Protein backbone atom coordinates (compact mmCIF):
# COMPACT_ATOMS: atom_id res chain seq x y z
CA MET A 1 62.96 81.14 133.75
CA ASP A 2 59.24 81.86 133.33
CA ILE A 3 57.13 79.66 135.61
CA LEU A 4 53.97 79.66 133.45
CA ASN A 5 53.20 76.12 132.21
CA LYS A 6 56.26 74.63 133.87
CA ARG A 7 56.34 71.08 135.32
CA ILE A 8 57.55 71.20 138.89
CA VAL A 9 58.63 68.90 141.72
CA VAL A 10 58.85 70.13 145.35
CA THR A 11 60.21 67.99 148.19
CA GLY A 12 59.32 68.69 151.78
CA ALA A 13 55.88 69.68 150.45
CA ALA A 14 53.76 68.71 153.43
CA SER A 15 54.32 71.94 155.32
CA GLY A 16 56.42 75.09 155.76
CA ILE A 17 58.43 76.42 152.82
CA GLY A 18 57.65 73.38 150.65
CA LYS A 19 53.90 73.79 150.99
CA ALA A 20 54.20 77.52 150.41
CA LEU A 21 56.27 76.86 147.26
CA CYS A 22 53.64 74.55 145.86
CA ILE A 23 50.90 77.12 146.40
CA ALA A 24 53.04 79.92 144.89
CA PHE A 25 53.86 77.84 141.83
CA LYS A 26 50.16 77.06 141.33
CA GLU A 27 49.25 80.75 141.57
CA ALA A 28 52.02 81.54 139.03
CA GLY A 29 50.46 79.20 136.44
CA ALA A 30 52.56 76.05 136.69
CA LYS A 31 51.33 73.20 134.48
CA SER A 32 51.90 70.43 137.03
CA ILE A 33 53.23 70.14 140.58
CA VAL A 34 54.42 66.94 142.30
CA CYS A 35 54.30 67.29 146.06
CA VAL A 36 56.86 65.05 147.75
CA ASP A 37 57.22 64.24 151.42
CA MET A 38 57.74 61.37 153.88
CA ASN A 39 54.52 62.60 155.45
CA ILE A 40 52.27 61.39 152.65
CA ASP A 41 49.08 62.62 154.40
CA GLY A 42 50.56 66.13 154.52
CA ALA A 43 51.70 65.85 150.92
CA ARG A 44 48.23 64.77 149.84
CA GLU A 45 46.73 67.71 151.69
CA THR A 46 49.00 70.08 149.80
CA ALA A 47 48.38 68.30 146.52
CA ASP A 48 44.60 68.46 147.00
CA THR A 49 44.84 72.16 147.66
CA ILE A 50 46.54 72.88 144.35
CA GLY A 51 45.41 69.97 142.15
CA GLY A 52 48.83 68.37 142.25
CA LEU A 53 50.19 64.82 142.71
CA ALA A 54 51.40 63.56 146.08
CA VAL A 55 54.34 61.16 146.22
CA ALA A 56 55.90 59.59 149.33
CA ALA A 57 59.65 59.61 149.52
CA ASP A 58 62.64 59.58 151.83
CA VAL A 59 64.78 62.18 150.04
CA SER A 60 67.95 60.63 151.46
CA ASN A 61 67.17 57.45 149.59
CA GLU A 62 68.40 57.52 146.01
CA GLN A 63 65.85 54.99 144.79
CA ASP A 64 63.04 57.05 146.22
CA ILE A 65 64.25 60.10 144.28
CA ILE A 66 64.44 57.97 141.12
CA ASN A 67 60.83 56.96 141.74
CA VAL A 68 59.76 60.59 142.27
CA ILE A 69 61.30 61.60 138.93
CA SER A 70 59.73 58.63 137.19
CA GLU A 71 56.27 59.51 138.51
CA ALA A 72 56.72 63.17 137.58
CA ASN A 73 57.80 62.18 134.08
CA GLU A 74 54.79 59.92 133.75
CA LEU A 75 52.47 62.65 134.96
CA SER A 76 53.51 65.38 132.54
CA GLY A 77 56.28 64.16 130.29
CA GLY A 78 59.23 65.78 132.10
CA ILE A 79 60.43 68.12 134.82
CA ASP A 80 61.29 71.77 134.26
CA ILE A 81 61.92 72.86 137.87
CA PHE A 82 63.04 70.59 140.71
CA CYS A 83 62.93 72.14 144.21
CA SER A 84 65.06 70.02 146.54
CA ASN A 85 63.67 71.61 149.62
CA ALA A 86 63.37 68.94 152.32
CA GLY A 87 65.77 69.34 155.27
CA ILE A 88 66.14 68.59 158.96
CA GLY A 89 67.74 70.33 161.94
CA GLY A 90 69.40 67.16 163.21
CA LYS A 91 70.83 66.60 166.66
CA PRO A 92 72.27 69.74 168.20
CA GLY A 93 75.76 70.02 169.68
CA PHE A 94 78.86 68.10 168.55
CA PHE A 95 79.86 65.49 171.09
CA GLU A 96 76.18 64.67 171.55
CA ALA A 97 75.85 63.48 167.91
CA ASP A 98 76.94 59.95 167.07
CA THR A 99 77.78 58.52 163.65
CA ALA A 100 74.18 57.58 162.94
CA ASP A 101 73.13 61.19 163.64
CA TRP A 102 75.76 62.52 161.22
CA ASN A 103 74.79 60.01 158.52
CA HIS A 104 71.13 60.89 158.87
CA ILE A 105 71.53 64.65 158.59
CA TRP A 106 74.05 64.28 155.77
CA GLY A 107 71.65 62.10 153.87
CA VAL A 108 68.72 64.48 154.13
CA ASN A 109 70.54 67.85 153.90
CA VAL A 110 73.18 66.98 151.30
CA GLN A 111 72.68 63.62 149.55
CA SER A 112 69.10 64.55 148.72
CA HIS A 113 70.37 67.40 146.49
CA ILE A 114 72.98 65.12 144.93
CA HIS A 115 70.44 62.40 144.17
CA ALA A 116 68.02 64.91 142.61
CA ALA A 117 70.62 66.56 140.43
CA LYS A 118 72.13 63.24 139.31
CA HIS A 119 68.82 61.88 138.06
CA VAL A 120 66.95 64.95 136.83
CA LEU A 121 69.78 66.86 135.12
CA PRO A 122 70.18 64.47 132.13
CA GLN A 123 66.69 65.26 130.76
CA MET A 124 67.21 68.97 131.38
CA ILE A 125 70.61 69.05 129.70
CA GLU A 126 69.17 67.12 126.72
CA ARG A 127 66.41 69.74 126.36
CA GLY A 128 68.89 72.57 126.93
CA GLU A 129 66.77 74.00 129.75
CA GLY A 130 65.93 73.25 133.39
CA TYR A 131 66.08 74.70 136.84
CA LEU A 132 67.19 73.42 140.27
CA VAL A 133 66.22 75.12 143.55
CA ASN A 134 68.22 73.76 146.50
CA THR A 135 67.18 74.83 149.94
CA SER A 136 70.09 75.45 152.29
CA SER A 137 70.13 78.06 155.07
CA ALA A 138 71.89 81.21 156.12
CA ALA A 139 73.82 78.75 158.29
CA GLY A 140 75.36 77.42 155.10
CA LEU A 141 76.84 80.79 154.36
CA LEU A 142 77.70 81.83 157.91
CA THR A 143 77.40 79.03 160.52
CA GLN A 144 74.99 77.70 163.12
CA LEU A 145 75.92 78.12 166.80
CA GLY A 146 75.37 74.99 168.83
CA ALA A 147 74.74 72.62 165.90
CA ALA A 148 77.76 71.28 164.04
CA GLY A 149 75.77 68.89 161.91
CA TYR A 150 73.43 71.55 160.66
CA ALA A 151 76.22 74.10 159.98
CA VAL A 152 78.37 71.62 158.06
CA THR A 153 75.57 70.07 155.95
CA LYS A 154 74.01 73.38 154.99
CA ALA A 155 77.46 74.68 153.93
CA ALA A 156 77.88 71.57 151.81
CA ALA A 157 74.47 72.17 150.22
CA VAL A 158 75.49 75.69 149.15
CA SER A 159 78.78 74.41 147.78
CA PHE A 160 77.08 71.69 145.75
CA ALA A 161 74.50 74.07 144.28
CA GLU A 162 77.31 76.45 143.33
CA TRP A 163 79.23 73.63 141.67
CA ILE A 164 76.21 72.60 139.60
CA LYS A 165 75.66 76.18 138.47
CA ILE A 166 79.34 76.60 137.46
CA THR A 167 79.47 73.25 135.68
CA TYR A 168 76.15 73.21 133.86
CA GLY A 169 75.03 76.86 133.74
CA ASN A 170 76.30 77.19 130.19
CA LYS A 171 74.17 74.22 129.21
CA GLY A 172 70.91 75.93 130.06
CA ILE A 173 70.66 74.86 133.68
CA GLY A 174 69.56 77.51 136.17
CA VAL A 175 70.26 77.09 139.90
CA SER A 176 69.03 79.01 142.90
CA CYS A 177 70.11 78.30 146.44
CA LEU A 178 67.69 79.37 149.18
CA CYS A 179 69.40 80.58 152.37
CA PRO A 180 66.97 82.03 154.87
CA GLN A 181 67.38 82.57 158.58
CA ALA A 182 64.37 81.91 160.78
CA VAL A 183 61.17 80.92 158.97
CA ARG A 184 57.92 79.98 160.64
CA THR A 185 57.89 76.20 159.99
CA ALA A 186 57.63 73.00 161.98
CA MET A 187 61.39 73.20 162.53
CA THR A 188 61.09 76.51 164.40
CA GLU A 189 57.76 75.90 166.18
CA GLN A 190 59.65 75.93 169.49
CA GLY A 191 61.11 79.31 168.67
CA PRO A 192 63.67 80.69 166.19
CA GLY A 193 66.72 80.39 168.48
CA VAL A 194 69.76 82.44 167.52
CA ALA A 195 68.66 82.40 163.91
CA GLY A 196 65.78 84.69 164.81
CA VAL A 197 67.99 87.71 165.50
CA ASP A 198 66.71 89.40 162.33
CA GLY A 199 63.11 88.26 162.73
CA MET A 200 60.93 85.31 161.78
CA LEU A 201 59.54 85.29 158.23
CA GLU A 202 56.38 83.58 157.05
CA ALA A 203 56.84 80.71 154.58
CA ASP A 204 54.79 82.42 151.87
CA VAL A 205 57.16 85.44 151.90
CA VAL A 206 60.11 83.10 151.41
CA ALA A 207 58.31 81.21 148.61
CA ASN A 208 57.59 84.37 146.65
CA ASP A 209 61.27 85.37 146.95
CA VAL A 210 62.19 81.97 145.49
CA LEU A 211 59.88 82.50 142.49
CA ASP A 212 61.37 85.91 141.90
CA ALA A 213 64.85 84.39 141.97
CA ILE A 214 63.83 81.74 139.39
CA LYS A 215 62.43 84.44 137.09
CA GLU A 216 65.60 86.52 137.49
CA GLU A 217 67.86 83.40 137.45
CA ARG A 218 69.49 84.67 140.63
CA PHE A 219 71.71 82.19 142.47
CA LEU A 220 71.43 83.25 146.11
CA VAL A 221 67.97 83.70 147.58
CA LEU A 222 68.33 85.71 150.77
CA PRO A 223 64.88 86.55 152.26
CA HIS A 224 66.66 88.10 155.23
CA GLN A 225 68.53 90.95 153.58
CA GLU A 226 70.86 91.30 156.58
CA VAL A 227 72.60 88.07 155.54
CA THR A 228 74.18 89.90 152.56
CA GLU A 229 75.94 92.28 154.96
CA TYR A 230 77.06 89.42 157.19
CA MET A 231 78.53 87.60 154.19
CA GLN A 232 80.46 90.71 153.15
CA ARG A 233 81.87 91.13 156.67
CA LYS A 234 82.95 87.52 156.71
CA ALA A 235 84.58 87.77 153.28
CA ASN A 236 86.39 91.01 154.09
CA ASP A 237 88.07 89.73 157.28
CA ARG A 238 87.58 86.10 158.13
CA ASP A 239 89.58 86.29 161.38
CA ARG A 240 87.64 89.28 162.63
CA TRP A 241 84.40 87.51 161.72
CA ILE A 242 85.40 84.42 163.68
CA GLY A 243 86.32 86.53 166.66
CA GLY A 244 82.87 88.17 166.61
CA MET A 245 81.21 84.78 166.35
CA GLN A 246 83.27 83.49 169.24
CA ARG A 247 81.88 86.32 171.36
CA LEU A 248 78.38 85.45 170.24
CA GLN A 249 79.07 81.76 171.08
CA LYS A 250 80.07 82.82 174.60
CA GLN A 251 76.78 84.71 174.96
CA TYR A 252 74.94 81.66 173.66
CA GLU A 253 76.70 79.39 176.19
CA ASP A 254 75.97 81.83 179.05
CA PHE A 255 72.31 81.86 178.03
CA LEU A 256 72.06 78.10 178.10
CA THR A 257 73.88 77.76 181.43
CA PRO A 258 71.42 77.74 184.37
CA MET A 259 71.93 80.62 186.74
CA GLU A 260 73.56 79.67 190.03
CA GLY A 261 70.91 78.64 192.50
CA ASP A 262 68.32 77.79 189.85
CA GLU A 263 66.46 74.55 190.53
CA LYS A 264 67.29 71.84 187.98
CA ASN A 265 64.36 69.71 186.90
């Protein structure tokens, strides 16, 4: 899909990848851009930078997404590209996360994509053209050591995006699923963790890759090219892959365990 003169919505637009996407779309000649975030001050800052519209929303709340779509329709008469980009890292671990933690991360990382598709697809299908960009993570294709909630919800996000593409691709609906490893955002400001093994990318680099994927109508957006090789290894021999990840998990646990004699604060 050509981006010139397209009407666009981006969630998680206050910072990081979302803000970079808004700027990249503006530079590519988008007609209108709606900048969505719970952080309305940050969304306004992004919107002011590009001449867009800021809208406050909790993406896990279906009614908030309905309101976003309504405001975008009112602004420019429809939506051509909806970037469901907002996401959270959630509580790390497994036993440490309670039901409320699981509900929260599921709402933001999965239900947000479902709400967006449910309420924006009808107008796109009616026109015979539209595009969804769903931000997941390389963790959705591989896994995330030390964070069950993140690994599971990001995998679900990939699966949902794939289902939408399979089901509605022949009706003119394009879908791209963004799956980066470490990106320099607020989520990684304390460091990339194990996801940084292949380097930390800047958000503008990732945003430009997304725009290329939209133009090419490419499903997977893999800014870290190494992820392609990891996926192939996993697909070729799942048991061997799991064995390798178990060894990496052991290294991860050893790294987190204080050395004997270290003072605990």
